[in-house]
N, C-alpha and C. Protein backbone atom coordinates (compact mmCIF):
# COMPACT_ATOMS: atom_id res chain seq x y z
N MET A 1 0.73 -1.23 0.07
CA MET A 1 0.16 -0.07 -0.27
C MET A 1 0.90 1.39 -0.03
N GLY A 2 1.75 1.24 0.88
CA GLY A 2 2.82 2.35 0.91
C GLY A 2 3.51 2.48 -0.30
N GLU A 3 3.88 1.66 -0.93
CA GLU A 3 4.84 1.72 -2.14
C GLU A 3 3.86 2.18 -3.36
N GLU A 4 2.64 1.83 -3.31
CA GLU A 4 1.77 2.25 -4.25
C GLU A 4 1.62 3.79 -4.17
N ALA A 5 1.43 4.18 -3.07
CA ALA A 5 1.07 5.61 -2.96
C ALA A 5 2.25 6.52 -3.30
N ILE A 6 3.50 5.86 -3.06
CA ILE A 6 4.65 6.72 -3.39
C ILE A 6 4.70 6.69 -4.92
N ALA A 7 4.44 5.69 -5.39
CA ALA A 7 4.82 5.52 -6.95
C ALA A 7 3.67 6.58 -7.56
N ARG A 8 2.37 6.75 -6.97
CA ARG A 8 1.41 7.59 -7.52
C ARG A 8 1.88 8.99 -7.49
N VAL A 9 2.32 9.38 -6.34
CA VAL A 9 2.87 10.73 -6.24
C VAL A 9 4.01 11.12 -7.05
N ARG A 10 4.90 10.20 -7.29
CA ARG A 10 5.96 10.50 -8.03
C ARG A 10 5.58 10.44 -9.52
N GLU A 11 4.53 9.87 -9.80
CA GLU A 11 4.19 10.15 -11.33
C GLU A 11 3.20 11.20 -11.24
N MET A 12 2.74 11.76 -10.56
CA MET A 12 2.06 13.21 -10.47
C MET A 12 3.15 14.25 -10.75
N GLY A 13 4.11 13.88 -9.92
CA GLY A 13 5.26 14.95 -9.98
C GLY A 13 5.90 14.80 -11.19
N LYS A 14 5.89 13.86 -11.79
CA LYS A 14 6.76 13.53 -13.12
C LYS A 14 5.70 14.62 -14.15
N GLU A 15 4.55 14.29 -13.99
CA GLU A 15 3.59 14.87 -14.93
C GLU A 15 3.68 16.41 -14.95
N LYS A 16 3.98 17.02 -13.67
CA LYS A 16 4.36 18.56 -13.40
C LYS A 16 5.68 18.89 -13.59
N GLY A 17 6.75 17.94 -14.04
CA GLY A 17 7.85 18.42 -14.11
C GLY A 17 8.61 18.66 -12.71
N VAL A 18 8.30 17.85 -11.84
CA VAL A 18 8.74 18.10 -10.39
C VAL A 18 9.54 16.68 -9.69
N LYS A 19 10.67 16.85 -9.26
CA LYS A 19 11.47 15.47 -8.90
C LYS A 19 10.62 15.22 -7.51
N VAL A 20 10.36 14.05 -7.32
CA VAL A 20 9.70 13.67 -6.05
C VAL A 20 10.39 12.39 -5.87
N SER A 21 10.69 12.56 -4.29
CA SER A 21 11.18 11.16 -3.70
C SER A 21 10.24 10.86 -2.55
N GLY A 22 10.31 9.57 -2.41
CA GLY A 22 9.31 8.98 -1.06
C GLY A 22 10.07 7.90 -0.40
N LYS A 23 9.59 7.73 0.70
CA LYS A 23 10.47 6.71 1.37
C LYS A 23 9.48 6.21 2.61
N LEU A 24 9.28 4.77 2.70
CA LEU A 24 8.70 4.19 3.76
C LEU A 24 9.50 4.09 4.91
N ILE A 25 8.91 4.74 5.92
CA ILE A 25 9.75 4.94 7.40
C ILE A 25 9.10 4.11 8.32
N GLY A 26 10.15 3.25 8.88
CA GLY A 26 10.06 2.36 9.97
C GLY A 26 10.32 3.06 11.35
N SER A 27 9.62 3.72 12.04
CA SER A 27 9.97 4.36 13.43
C SER A 27 8.81 4.31 14.52
N SER A 28 9.08 4.34 15.81
CA SER A 28 8.22 4.23 16.58
C SER A 28 7.28 5.75 16.98
N SER A 29 7.92 6.72 16.40
CA SER A 29 7.54 8.00 16.04
C SER A 29 7.33 8.34 14.86
N ALA A 30 6.17 8.72 14.21
CA ALA A 30 6.10 9.23 12.89
C ALA A 30 6.92 10.42 12.60
N VAL A 31 6.66 11.34 13.33
CA VAL A 31 7.14 12.74 13.55
C VAL A 31 8.66 12.56 13.46
N GLN A 32 9.18 11.78 14.38
CA GLN A 32 10.51 11.75 14.51
C GLN A 32 11.40 10.89 13.30
N GLY A 33 10.61 9.97 12.65
CA GLY A 33 11.10 9.32 11.45
C GLY A 33 10.84 10.30 10.29
N ILE A 34 10.15 10.95 10.11
CA ILE A 34 9.79 12.15 9.05
C ILE A 34 11.04 13.12 9.11
N ILE A 35 11.27 13.50 10.36
CA ILE A 35 12.49 14.54 10.51
C ILE A 35 14.01 13.86 10.20
N GLU A 36 13.98 12.45 10.80
CA GLU A 36 15.39 12.01 10.28
C GLU A 36 15.38 11.78 9.02
N ALA A 37 14.39 11.31 8.25
CA ALA A 37 14.53 10.96 6.89
C ALA A 37 14.76 12.09 6.12
N ALA A 38 14.17 13.42 6.24
CA ALA A 38 14.42 14.39 5.97
C ALA A 38 15.92 15.06 5.87
N LYS A 39 16.38 14.73 7.24
CA LYS A 39 17.83 15.11 7.60
C LYS A 39 18.70 14.33 6.36
N GLU A 40 18.62 13.06 6.40
CA GLU A 40 19.26 12.13 5.77
C GLU A 40 19.28 12.38 4.16
N GLU A 41 18.04 12.70 3.72
CA GLU A 41 17.90 13.01 2.36
C GLU A 41 18.28 14.25 1.76
N LYS A 42 18.50 15.17 2.94
CA LYS A 42 18.64 16.61 2.34
C LYS A 42 17.47 17.29 1.53
N VAL A 43 16.22 16.86 2.15
CA VAL A 43 15.03 17.40 1.27
C VAL A 43 14.92 19.13 1.44
N ASP A 44 14.20 19.47 0.20
CA ASP A 44 13.87 20.94 0.39
C ASP A 44 12.46 21.09 0.99
N LEU A 45 11.80 20.31 1.17
CA LEU A 45 10.34 20.41 1.56
C LEU A 45 9.85 18.96 1.78
N ILE A 46 8.94 19.29 2.97
CA ILE A 46 8.42 17.98 3.42
C ILE A 46 6.89 18.30 3.08
N VAL A 47 6.15 17.28 2.31
CA VAL A 47 4.82 17.67 2.23
C VAL A 47 4.10 16.61 2.92
N VAL A 48 2.83 16.87 3.49
CA VAL A 48 2.20 15.96 4.36
C VAL A 48 0.67 16.15 4.10
N GLY A 49 -0.14 15.03 4.01
CA GLY A 49 -1.56 15.12 3.82
C GLY A 49 -2.19 15.09 5.15
N SER A 50 -3.28 15.96 5.05
CA SER A 50 -3.82 16.07 6.47
C SER A 50 -5.38 15.76 6.31
N HIS A 51 -6.09 14.94 7.20
CA HIS A 51 -7.66 14.48 7.15
C HIS A 51 -8.33 15.86 7.64
N GLY A 52 -7.84 16.40 8.53
CA GLY A 52 -8.30 17.58 9.15
C GLY A 52 -9.34 17.43 10.19
N ARG A 53 -8.83 16.44 11.15
CA ARG A 53 -9.55 16.14 12.30
C ARG A 53 -9.60 16.94 13.46
N THR A 54 -8.51 17.93 13.29
CA THR A 54 -8.43 19.01 14.40
C THR A 54 -8.08 20.20 13.91
N HIS A 55 -7.98 21.17 14.64
CA HIS A 55 -7.40 22.54 13.94
C HIS A 55 -6.22 23.13 14.76
N PHE A 56 -5.33 23.64 13.87
CA PHE A 56 -4.14 24.29 14.47
C PHE A 56 -4.04 25.50 13.46
N LEU A 57 -3.74 26.78 14.12
CA LEU A 57 -3.58 28.00 13.46
C LEU A 57 -4.63 27.99 12.19
N ASP A 58 -6.03 27.92 12.89
CA ASP A 58 -6.98 27.77 11.87
C ASP A 58 -7.00 27.07 10.85
N VAL A 59 -5.98 25.89 10.58
CA VAL A 59 -5.97 25.06 9.60
C VAL A 59 -6.35 23.65 10.05
N PRO A 60 -7.26 22.81 9.40
CA PRO A 60 -7.61 21.37 9.91
C PRO A 60 -6.49 20.53 9.55
N VAL A 61 -5.85 20.04 10.57
CA VAL A 61 -4.71 19.34 10.55
C VAL A 61 -5.05 17.98 11.52
N GLY A 62 -4.43 16.81 11.36
CA GLY A 62 -4.20 15.67 12.31
C GLY A 62 -3.11 15.88 13.38
N ASN A 63 -3.07 14.74 14.21
CA ASN A 63 -2.03 15.12 15.18
C ASN A 63 -0.61 14.98 14.74
N VAL A 64 -0.39 13.95 13.76
CA VAL A 64 1.03 13.67 13.44
C VAL A 64 1.34 15.38 12.68
N THR A 65 0.62 15.84 11.83
CA THR A 65 0.65 16.99 10.99
C THR A 65 0.87 18.23 12.08
N ARG A 66 0.22 17.99 12.88
CA ARG A 66 0.32 19.35 14.14
C ARG A 66 1.57 19.36 14.68
N LYS A 67 2.25 18.14 15.07
CA LYS A 67 3.28 17.82 15.83
C LYS A 67 4.38 18.11 14.88
N LEU A 68 4.40 17.89 13.44
CA LEU A 68 5.36 17.95 12.57
C LEU A 68 5.50 19.38 12.32
N VAL A 69 4.56 20.16 12.15
CA VAL A 69 4.68 21.65 11.86
C VAL A 69 5.38 22.34 13.09
N SER A 70 4.90 21.92 14.32
CA SER A 70 5.37 22.64 15.21
C SER A 70 7.10 22.07 15.83
N ALA A 71 7.48 21.14 15.39
CA ALA A 71 8.83 20.39 15.47
C ALA A 71 9.89 21.16 14.71
N ARG A 72 11.11 21.05 15.44
CA ARG A 72 12.23 21.62 14.99
C ARG A 72 12.46 20.59 13.64
N LYS A 73 12.69 21.13 12.54
CA LYS A 73 12.97 20.43 11.49
C LYS A 73 13.89 21.04 10.39
N PRO A 74 14.43 20.18 9.62
CA PRO A 74 15.47 20.84 8.60
C PRO A 74 14.95 21.49 7.31
N CYS A 75 13.54 21.63 7.26
CA CYS A 75 13.11 22.38 5.95
C CYS A 75 11.67 22.69 6.07
N PRO A 76 10.89 23.55 5.30
CA PRO A 76 9.46 23.78 5.61
C PRO A 76 8.78 22.54 5.33
N VAL A 77 7.56 22.79 5.97
CA VAL A 77 6.66 21.56 5.78
C VAL A 77 5.41 22.11 5.18
N MET A 78 4.78 21.52 3.93
CA MET A 78 3.55 21.82 3.37
C MET A 78 2.61 20.96 3.58
N VAL A 79 1.52 21.35 4.17
CA VAL A 79 0.15 20.62 4.54
C VAL A 79 -0.73 20.84 3.45
N VAL A 80 -1.38 19.57 2.94
CA VAL A 80 -2.23 19.61 1.78
C VAL A 80 -3.55 18.71 2.13
N PRO A 81 -4.67 19.10 1.86
CA PRO A 81 -5.81 18.06 2.08
C PRO A 81 -5.79 16.98 1.58
N VAL A 82 -6.03 15.93 2.08
CA VAL A 82 -6.17 14.59 1.66
C VAL A 82 -7.22 14.34 0.47
N SER A 83 -8.67 14.80 0.78
CA SER A 83 -9.47 14.82 0.16
C SER A 83 -9.43 15.64 -1.34
């Protein structure tokens, strides 16, 4: 399932002329795993989807997204709605 999602996002990026990389992360903390992967890969931007279950700064976000936006990280985070 995860590999299929990564492949779909890569294809969407390719269609728009954007280089996209994706990685399945095994970590006890999703937020820490994302931050560590961003550091290792030297990414320019972290893009996360949100189901919008709660609100943070008037933006509907989930718990992991809220923590990621608030955390110390090596690059900006873009939050996009899943729907």
